[in-house]
Amino acid sequence: MSAHLTRRAALVGTAAAALAAARPARADSPVLRLGVLTDLSGPYAETGGKGSVICAEQAAAEAMAASPGLRVEVIAADHQNKPDVGAAIARQWFDRDGVDAILDVPNSGVGLAVASVATEKDKVFLITGSATADLTGSKCSPNLVHWTFDTYMLARVTGGSLVEQGLTKWFFLVADYAFGHVLERDATKLIQAAHGSVVGSVAYPFPGTADFSSYLVQAQSSGAQVLGLGNAGHDTINAIKQAHEFGLTQSMTIAAMLMFVTDVHALGLPTAQGLVLSETFYWDLNDRTRAFANRMLKRRADWRPNMEQAGSYGGALHYLKTAAAMGPAEAKKSGAATVARMKAMPTDDDAFGPGRIREDGRALHPAYLFRVKKPADSHGPWDLYETVATIPAEQAFRPLSEGGCRLVHA
């Protein structure tokens, strides 16, 4: 067996498995298996990674507590940011290991590959880490739900707000794979619609780029007001650090098109202060988000989940509620039928609050525009954001009629 398949982390969901074993189970209740396919060792290890696994385990524990007799197991694997590796793991999980639903999958290239396998095998794909909006557009499928965020939302909330403030000339620095290119495409459309312009762009090799200096020089010399970063994780952190070192922030505004609270925490407020970004979850938004974050502290000390990780909780919990309502045996028969039932049931959890899933698979919840606090305004190591605006779900995400999804009927 190849090395990447042996790294599946046999039952990283030991807490969830232990709960299942401790509770009497009906003889006719089969085990539901969730596979967290994520980045455990690369540039997205902190934005997804172990945090996404922990959040899925929390969802499993809560679902089993709410539905006595429900049995859930959580396993995980590292897709190494390679579409062929991700697709191979997904196929093995579905064919041999009895996985019913895959979730997370940071990296849009891997996400598109896994979506194809899930559709072929009639399983469930809960997308909480892949960003490309094509997953509910031209690449939509009856077997997937796209949770948390996508490239359209990021462009609309972050990019649109800056153009409205008069920052109309943009230069993009993007990762050279599906996510970076689709984010630039979606942002460019919205910027131009608001009478702004993109004066230049450059795509850098992904993964493996650590030195962004030559790209930052191009951005500085472009005459743009805004540097739009179409990357995430370690790359975003490194690009922002180097932009500060070059003094680029003295002449340009940095728009981190996909940035997480975990990234801001890693950067530190002296460097990150003043950045504007968008997320659909922040641990300190309200009483429900704080309660969720406090439960997660019991699983991992000195940590607050970001929106991708919280999405693994919200997506897994709604799937498990749906499977419990259908009956696990029935839910295991067809991923498409289970997703259809998920769409028919309203969503509600402590991370995202009430919402719904559209017919194209887009999960709808509000999005928030945040500004990173100055060090003097922060009351603790995770007190990082101030809320600038709340964008209703129907305005934050792409209109249903504009995506081109074949599941949408006029």
Protein backbone atom coordinates (compact mmCIF):
# COMPACT_ATOMS: atom_id res chain seq x y z
CA MET A 1 0.00 0.00 0.00
CA SER A 2 1.30 3.47 -0.86
CA ALA A 3 2.54 5.76 1.89
CA HIS A 4 -0.24 8.29 1.69
CA LEU A 5 -2.91 5.66 2.20
CA THR A 6 -1.21 4.32 5.31
CA ARG A 7 -1.47 7.79 6.87
CA ARG A 8 -5.23 7.52 7.24
CA ALA A 9 -4.86 7.90 11.00
CA ALA A 10 -6.86 4.88 12.11
CA LEU A 11 -9.79 6.25 14.03
CA VAL A 12 -8.52 9.64 15.02
CA GLY A 13 -12.06 10.00 16.26
CA THR A 14 -11.37 7.87 19.33
CA ALA A 15 -13.47 10.10 21.55
CA ALA A 16 -16.47 9.70 19.27
CA ALA A 17 -15.85 5.98 18.93
CA ALA A 18 -15.61 5.58 22.70
CA LEU A 19 -18.93 7.34 23.14
CA ALA A 20 -20.49 5.04 20.60
CA ALA A 21 -19.13 1.98 22.37
CA ALA A 22 -20.34 3.20 25.76
CA ARG A 23 -23.94 3.66 24.62
CA PRO A 24 -26.17 0.66 23.94
CA ALA A 25 -26.74 0.46 20.20
CA ARG A 26 -29.65 -1.08 18.37
CA ALA A 27 -28.69 -4.19 16.51
CA ASP A 28 -30.17 -2.76 13.33
CA SER A 29 -28.22 0.55 13.53
CA PRO A 30 -25.12 0.47 11.31
CA VAL A 31 -22.12 2.70 11.95
CA LEU A 32 -21.98 6.00 10.07
CA ARG A 33 -18.39 6.80 9.10
CA LEU A 34 -17.14 10.32 8.49
CA GLY A 35 -13.83 10.85 6.71
CA VAL A 36 -12.07 14.15 7.32
CA LEU A 37 -9.87 14.57 4.25
CA THR A 38 -7.59 17.48 5.04
CA ASP A 39 -4.09 18.92 5.07
CA LEU A 40 -2.29 17.55 8.13
CA SER A 41 1.24 18.58 7.20
CA GLY A 42 1.26 21.31 4.54
CA PRO A 43 0.30 24.97 4.04
CA TYR A 44 -3.31 24.47 5.20
CA ALA A 45 -2.58 22.36 8.27
CA GLU A 46 -3.63 25.14 10.65
CA THR A 47 -6.64 26.37 8.68
CA GLY A 48 -8.09 22.86 8.44
CA GLY A 49 -5.98 19.97 9.69
CA LYS A 50 -6.40 18.63 13.20
CA GLY A 51 -8.81 21.45 14.04
CA SER A 52 -11.26 20.17 11.43
CA VAL A 53 -10.93 16.64 12.80
CA ILE A 54 -11.63 17.83 16.36
CA CYS A 55 -14.70 19.76 15.21
CA ALA A 56 -16.05 16.71 13.35
CA GLU A 57 -15.52 14.62 16.49
CA GLN A 58 -17.49 17.19 18.47
CA ALA A 59 -20.37 16.96 16.00
CA ALA A 60 -20.31 13.16 16.24
CA ALA A 61 -20.40 13.30 20.04
CA GLU A 62 -23.33 15.73 20.08
CA ALA A 63 -25.28 13.77 17.47
CA MET A 64 -24.87 10.51 19.40
CA ALA A 65 -25.90 12.22 22.64
CA ALA A 66 -29.04 13.55 20.94
CA SER A 67 -29.93 10.24 19.25
CA PRO A 68 -29.36 7.23 21.53
CA GLY A 69 -28.34 4.25 19.45
CA LEU A 70 -26.70 6.31 16.73
CA ARG A 71 -23.15 5.11 16.10
CA VAL A 72 -20.57 7.35 14.44
CA GLU A 73 -16.88 6.96 13.70
CA VAL A 74 -14.50 9.67 12.48
CA ILE A 75 -11.32 8.93 10.56
CA ALA A 76 -8.87 11.31 8.87
CA ALA A 77 -6.25 11.42 6.13
CA ASP A 78 -3.76 13.86 4.62
CA HIS A 79 -4.42 14.62 0.94
CA GLN A 80 -0.99 16.34 0.61
CA ASN A 81 -2.61 19.02 -1.59
CA LYS A 82 -2.54 16.62 -4.54
CA PRO A 83 -5.80 15.95 -6.44
CA ASP A 84 -4.72 12.42 -7.41
CA VAL A 85 -3.89 11.56 -3.80
CA GLY A 86 -7.20 13.01 -2.56
CA ALA A 87 -9.19 11.11 -5.19
CA ALA A 88 -7.37 7.85 -4.40
CA ILE A 89 -8.06 8.16 -0.68
CA ALA A 90 -11.73 9.01 -1.34
CA ARG A 91 -12.10 5.99 -3.61
CA GLN A 92 -10.51 3.66 -1.04
CA TRP A 93 -12.63 5.08 1.77
CA PHE A 94 -15.83 4.56 -0.22
CA ASP A 95 -14.93 1.18 -1.74
CA ARG A 96 -13.14 -0.53 1.14
CA ASP A 97 -13.47 1.36 4.39
CA GLY A 98 -17.19 2.02 4.57
CA VAL A 99 -16.98 5.84 4.68
CA ASP A 100 -20.37 7.44 4.08
CA ALA A 101 -19.42 11.12 3.97
CA ILE A 102 -16.21 13.06 3.35
CA LEU A 103 -15.73 16.54 4.74
CA ASP A 104 -13.32 19.48 4.88
CA VAL A 105 -10.85 19.18 1.92
CA PRO A 106 -8.92 22.46 1.88
CA ASN A 107 -7.58 22.97 -1.67
CA SER A 108 -10.08 23.46 -4.48
CA GLY A 109 -8.19 21.24 -6.91
CA VAL A 110 -8.49 18.33 -4.49
CA GLY A 111 -12.10 19.27 -3.75
CA LEU A 112 -13.09 19.07 -7.41
CA ALA A 113 -11.44 15.65 -7.71
CA VAL A 114 -13.17 14.31 -4.59
CA ALA A 115 -16.53 15.70 -5.75
CA SER A 116 -16.24 13.60 -8.90
CA VAL A 117 -15.54 10.44 -6.90
CA ALA A 118 -18.38 11.11 -4.43
CA THR A 119 -20.82 11.58 -7.30
CA GLU A 120 -19.62 8.41 -9.05
CA LYS A 121 -19.95 6.38 -5.85
CA ASP A 122 -23.22 8.05 -4.73
CA LYS A 123 -21.75 9.17 -1.40
CA VAL A 124 -21.94 12.47 0.50
CA PHE A 125 -19.36 15.24 0.20
CA LEU A 126 -19.59 18.03 2.82
CA ILE A 127 -17.29 20.75 1.48
CA THR A 128 -16.01 23.01 4.24
CA GLY A 129 -12.48 23.80 3.04
CA SER A 130 -12.52 23.99 -0.79
CA ALA A 131 -13.32 27.52 -1.91
CA THR A 132 -14.17 27.43 -5.61
CA ALA A 133 -17.76 28.53 -6.25
CA ASP A 134 -17.79 26.22 -9.29
CA LEU A 135 -18.73 23.42 -6.85
CA THR A 136 -22.24 24.88 -6.74
CA GLY A 137 -22.03 26.20 -10.30
CA SER A 138 -20.76 24.39 -13.37
CA LYS A 139 -19.41 21.49 -11.25
CA CYS A 140 -22.44 21.08 -8.97
CA SER A 141 -23.63 17.63 -7.95
CA PRO A 142 -26.63 16.16 -6.11
CA ASN A 143 -24.12 14.54 -3.73
CA LEU A 144 -22.49 17.62 -2.24
CA VAL A 145 -23.17 20.49 0.12
CA HIS A 146 -20.84 23.50 0.07
CA TRP A 147 -20.60 24.86 3.58
CA THR A 148 -18.89 27.90 5.12
CA PHE A 149 -17.50 30.07 2.28
CA ASP A 150 -16.71 30.21 -1.42
CA THR A 151 -14.85 32.42 -3.85
CA TYR A 152 -17.93 34.48 -4.75
CA MET A 153 -18.67 35.27 -1.11
CA LEU A 154 -15.07 36.21 -0.39
CA ALA A 155 -14.94 38.49 -3.43
CA ARG A 156 -18.32 40.03 -2.66
CA VAL A 157 -17.75 40.73 1.03
CA THR A 158 -14.04 41.65 1.12
CA GLY A 159 -13.47 42.93 -2.39
CA GLY A 160 -16.80 44.67 -2.77
CA SER A 161 -16.47 46.56 0.50
CA LEU A 162 -13.05 48.00 -0.43
CA VAL A 163 -14.22 49.14 -3.86
CA GLU A 164 -17.13 50.90 -2.17
CA GLN A 165 -14.56 52.72 -0.02
CA GLY A 166 -12.90 54.08 -3.17
CA LEU A 167 -10.07 51.54 -3.47
CA THR A 168 -10.74 50.75 -7.11
CA LYS A 169 -7.35 49.78 -8.62
CA TRP A 170 -6.29 46.22 -7.83
CA PHE A 171 -3.33 43.89 -8.33
CA PHE A 172 -3.77 40.18 -7.62
CA LEU A 173 -1.20 37.73 -6.24
CA VAL A 174 -2.74 34.27 -6.46
CA ALA A 175 -1.80 30.64 -5.91
CA ASP A 176 -1.50 28.87 -9.26
CA TYR A 177 -4.30 26.34 -8.93
CA ALA A 178 -8.11 26.26 -9.08
CA PHE A 179 -8.77 28.29 -5.93
CA GLY A 180 -6.50 31.21 -6.80
CA HIS A 181 -7.73 31.51 -10.37
CA VAL A 182 -11.44 31.21 -9.56
CA LEU A 183 -11.11 33.73 -6.73
CA GLU A 184 -9.40 36.21 -9.06
CA ARG A 185 -12.10 35.59 -11.68
CA ASP A 186 -14.97 36.15 -9.25
CA ALA A 187 -13.34 39.18 -7.64
CA THR A 188 -12.53 40.76 -11.01
CA LYS A 189 -16.17 40.53 -12.11
CA LEU A 190 -17.38 42.21 -8.93
CA ILE A 191 -14.66 44.88 -8.99
CA GLN A 192 -15.42 45.77 -12.60
CA ALA A 193 -19.16 45.79 -11.92
CA ALA A 194 -18.48 48.40 -9.22
CA HIS A 195 -16.46 50.48 -11.75
CA GLY A 196 -13.08 49.38 -10.43
CA SER A 197 -10.25 47.78 -12.41
CA VAL A 198 -7.59 45.09 -12.11
CA VAL A 199 -4.31 46.58 -13.35
CA GLY A 200 -2.22 43.43 -13.01
CA SER A 201 -1.92 39.94 -11.59
CA VAL A 202 0.61 37.20 -11.09
CA ALA A 203 0.22 33.52 -10.20
CA TYR A 204 2.94 31.82 -8.16
CA PRO A 205 3.76 28.09 -8.03
CA PHE A 206 1.73 26.22 -5.41
CA PRO A 207 2.66 24.56 -3.18
CA GLY A 208 6.31 25.31 -2.43
CA THR A 209 6.68 29.08 -2.75
CA ALA A 210 8.19 30.79 0.31
CA ASP A 211 9.76 33.93 -1.18
CA PHE A 212 7.20 36.41 -2.52
CA SER A 213 9.62 39.32 -2.97
CA SER A 214 9.64 39.43 -6.78
CA TYR A 215 5.84 39.33 -6.88
CA LEU A 216 5.54 42.09 -4.30
CA VAL A 217 7.89 44.28 -6.35
CA GLN A 218 5.58 43.83 -9.34
CA ALA A 219 2.60 44.80 -7.21
CA GLN A 220 4.35 47.91 -5.89
CA SER A 221 5.26 49.10 -9.36
CA SER A 222 1.78 48.49 -10.81
CA GLY A 223 0.18 51.65 -9.47
CA ALA A 224 -2.57 49.63 -7.79
CA GLN A 225 -4.18 50.76 -4.54
CA VAL A 226 -4.97 47.24 -3.36
CA LEU A 227 -2.98 44.01 -3.28
CA GLY A 228 -5.51 41.18 -3.42
CA LEU A 229 -4.11 37.94 -2.01
CA GLY A 230 -5.66 34.88 -3.59
CA ASN A 231 -4.09 32.35 -1.26
CA ALA A 232 -4.55 30.96 2.24
CA GLY A 233 -2.80 29.48 5.24
CA HIS A 234 0.98 29.70 5.46
CA ASP A 235 1.17 31.47 2.09
CA THR A 236 -1.08 34.31 3.26
CA ILE A 237 0.89 34.69 6.47
CA ASN A 238 4.24 34.75 4.64
CA ALA A 239 3.01 37.16 1.97
CA ILE A 240 1.70 39.63 4.55
CA LYS A 241 4.88 39.44 6.63
CA GLN A 242 7.03 40.10 3.56
CA ALA A 243 4.74 42.92 2.40
CA HIS A 244 5.35 44.63 5.76
CA GLU A 245 9.10 44.10 5.44
CA PHE A 246 9.05 45.68 1.96
CA GLY A 247 7.05 48.64 3.23
CA LEU A 248 4.31 47.82 0.75
CA THR A 249 1.62 48.59 3.33
CA GLN A 250 2.70 52.24 3.27
CA SER A 251 1.39 52.63 -0.27
CA MET A 252 -1.12 49.80 -0.75
CA THR A 253 -3.99 48.19 1.16
CA ILE A 254 -3.71 44.43 1.55
CA ALA A 255 -6.95 42.57 0.92
CA ALA A 256 -6.59 39.07 2.35
CA MET A 257 -9.32 37.47 0.28
CA LEU A 258 -9.25 34.25 2.33
CA MET A 259 -7.88 34.66 5.82
CA PHE A 260 -8.80 32.93 9.06
CA VAL A 261 -8.70 33.87 12.72
CA THR A 262 -6.00 31.21 13.15
CA ASP A 263 -3.86 33.07 10.58
CA VAL A 264 -4.34 36.40 12.37
CA HIS A 265 -3.40 34.77 15.67
CA ALA A 266 -0.23 33.37 14.08
CA LEU A 267 0.68 36.73 12.53
CA GLY A 268 0.10 38.72 15.71
CA LEU A 269 -1.75 42.01 15.98
CA PRO A 270 1.29 44.28 15.45
CA THR A 271 1.55 42.93 11.90
CA ALA A 272 -2.10 42.08 11.19
CA GLN A 273 -3.79 45.17 12.67
CA GLY A 274 -6.07 46.98 10.29
CA LEU A 275 -6.47 44.09 7.84
CA VAL A 276 -9.99 43.71 6.47
CA LEU A 277 -11.30 40.21 5.83
CA SER A 278 -14.47 38.15 5.77
CA GLU A 279 -15.54 35.03 7.61
CA THR A 280 -18.86 33.31 8.24
CA PHE A 281 -17.92 32.34 11.79
CA TYR A 282 -16.08 34.06 14.63
CA TRP A 283 -15.91 32.56 18.10
CA ASP A 284 -16.88 35.82 19.86
CA LEU A 285 -19.89 36.80 17.72
CA ASN A 286 -22.66 35.89 20.16
CA ASP A 287 -23.62 33.63 23.06
CA ARG A 288 -24.00 30.54 20.84
CA THR A 289 -20.61 30.92 19.14
CA ARG A 290 -18.94 31.49 22.50
CA ALA A 291 -20.62 28.38 23.92
CA PHE A 292 -19.39 26.33 20.96
CA ALA A 293 -15.86 27.71 21.29
CA ASN A 294 -15.81 26.92 25.00
CA ARG A 295 -16.81 23.32 24.30
CA MET A 296 -13.92 23.07 21.86
CA LEU A 297 -11.47 24.31 24.52
CA LYS A 298 -12.13 21.05 26.35
CA ARG A 299 -10.77 19.20 23.33
CA ARG A 300 -7.81 21.48 22.53
CA ALA A 301 -6.38 24.06 24.93
CA ASP A 302 -5.63 27.66 23.95
CA TRP A 303 -7.37 27.42 20.58
CA ARG A 304 -10.32 28.96 18.80
CA PRO A 305 -11.74 27.32 15.65
CA ASN A 306 -11.85 29.27 12.41
CA MET A 307 -14.72 29.20 9.93
CA GLU A 308 -13.39 26.19 7.99
CA GLN A 309 -13.03 24.14 11.15
CA ALA A 310 -16.39 25.30 12.49
CA GLY A 311 -17.84 24.33 9.11
CA SER A 312 -16.68 20.75 9.68
CA TYR A 313 -18.73 20.81 12.88
CA GLY A 314 -21.81 22.42 11.32
CA GLY A 315 -21.78 20.30 8.17
CA ALA A 316 -21.19 17.03 10.01
CA LEU A 317 -23.86 17.81 12.61
CA HIS A 318 -26.53 18.56 9.98
CA TYR A 319 -25.62 15.39 8.07
CA LEU A 320 -25.86 13.29 11.24
CA LYS A 321 -29.19 14.88 12.26
CA THR A 322 -30.50 14.05 8.80
CA ALA A 323 -29.18 10.49 8.91
CA ALA A 324 -30.74 9.98 12.35
CA ALA A 325 -34.10 11.22 11.04
CA MET A 326 -33.91 8.94 7.98
CA GLY A 327 -32.44 6.02 9.88
CA PRO A 328 -28.73 5.23 9.39
CA ALA A 329 -29.39 2.18 7.17
CA GLU A 330 -31.52 4.26 4.82
CA ALA A 331 -29.03 7.15 4.82
CA LYS A 332 -26.21 4.80 3.83
CA LYS A 333 -28.06 3.62 0.71
CA SER A 334 -27.70 6.78 -1.35
CA GLY A 335 -25.66 9.92 -0.84
CA ALA A 336 -27.84 11.87 -3.28
CA ALA A 337 -31.01 10.91 -1.40
CA THR A 338 -29.42 11.91 1.91
CA VAL A 339 -28.30 15.28 0.51
CA ALA A 340 -31.81 15.87 -0.84
CA ARG A 341 -33.16 15.28 2.68
CA MET A 342 -30.50 17.63 4.09
CA LYS A 343 -31.76 20.34 1.73
CA ALA A 344 -35.31 19.79 2.91
CA MET A 345 -34.36 20.26 6.58
CA PRO A 346 -33.45 23.71 7.94
CA THR A 347 -29.93 23.97 9.34
CA ASP A 348 -29.20 25.19 12.86
CA ASP A 349 -26.12 24.88 15.05
CA ASP A 350 -24.17 26.95 17.56
CA ALA A 351 -21.47 27.94 15.08
CA PHE A 352 -23.60 29.35 12.27
CA GLY A 353 -27.11 29.65 13.69
CA PRO A 354 -30.22 28.99 11.58
CA GLY A 355 -29.94 28.64 7.82
CA ARG A 356 -30.83 26.46 4.85
CA ILE A 357 -29.28 24.59 1.91
CA ARG A 358 -30.24 25.70 -1.60
CA GLU A 359 -31.00 23.31 -4.42
CA ASP A 360 -27.52 23.89 -5.91
CA GLY A 361 -25.95 22.63 -2.66
CA ARG A 362 -24.96 26.05 -1.29
CA ALA A 363 -25.45 26.28 2.48
CA LEU A 364 -26.67 29.75 3.34
CA HIS A 365 -25.69 31.68 6.45
CA PRO A 366 -24.70 35.31 7.07
CA ALA A 367 -21.18 36.53 6.31
CA TYR A 368 -19.27 39.12 8.32
CA LEU A 369 -16.78 41.78 7.36
CA PHE A 370 -14.16 42.10 10.08
CA ARG A 371 -11.31 44.47 10.79
CA VAL A 372 -8.35 43.18 12.79
CA LYS A 373 -7.99 45.09 16.07
CA LYS A 374 -5.08 47.23 17.13
CA PRO A 375 -3.03 45.65 19.95
CA ALA A 376 -4.25 48.29 22.42
CA ASP A 377 -7.89 47.36 21.74
CA SER A 378 -7.50 43.62 22.30
CA HIS A 379 -8.39 42.05 25.64
CA GLY A 380 -6.71 38.70 25.10
CA PRO A 381 -4.75 36.50 22.67
CA TRP A 382 -7.89 35.52 20.68
CA ASP A 383 -9.72 38.86 20.90
CA LEU A 384 -8.80 39.79 17.34
CA TYR A 385 -11.76 41.13 15.35
CA GLU A 386 -14.18 44.00 15.36
CA THR A 387 -17.30 43.57 13.23
CA VAL A 388 -17.57 46.10 10.42
CA ALA A 389 -20.68 44.74 8.70
CA THR A 390 -23.07 41.79 8.69
CA ILE A 391 -24.13 40.68 5.21
CA PRO A 392 -27.36 38.64 5.01
CA ALA A 393 -26.96 35.18 3.50
CA GLU A 394 -28.99 35.94 0.38
CA GLN A 395 -26.72 38.92 -0.39
CA ALA A 396 -23.40 37.33 0.59
CA PHE A 397 -23.56 34.36 -1.78
CA ARG A 398 -24.00 34.19 -5.54
CA PRO A 399 -27.60 34.43 -6.75
CA LEU A 400 -28.99 31.01 -7.56
CA SER A 401 -29.77 32.04 -11.14
CA GLU A 402 -26.18 33.03 -11.91
CA GLY A 403 -24.28 29.84 -11.04
CA GLY A 404 -25.16 27.65 -14.00
CA CYS A 405 -25.88 24.60 -11.83
CA ARG A 406 -27.76 21.90 -13.72
CA LEU A 407 -29.80 21.09 -10.60
CA VAL A 408 -31.49 24.48 -10.65
CA HIS A 409 -34.78 24.51 -12.51
CA ALA A 410 -36.16 27.78 -13.80
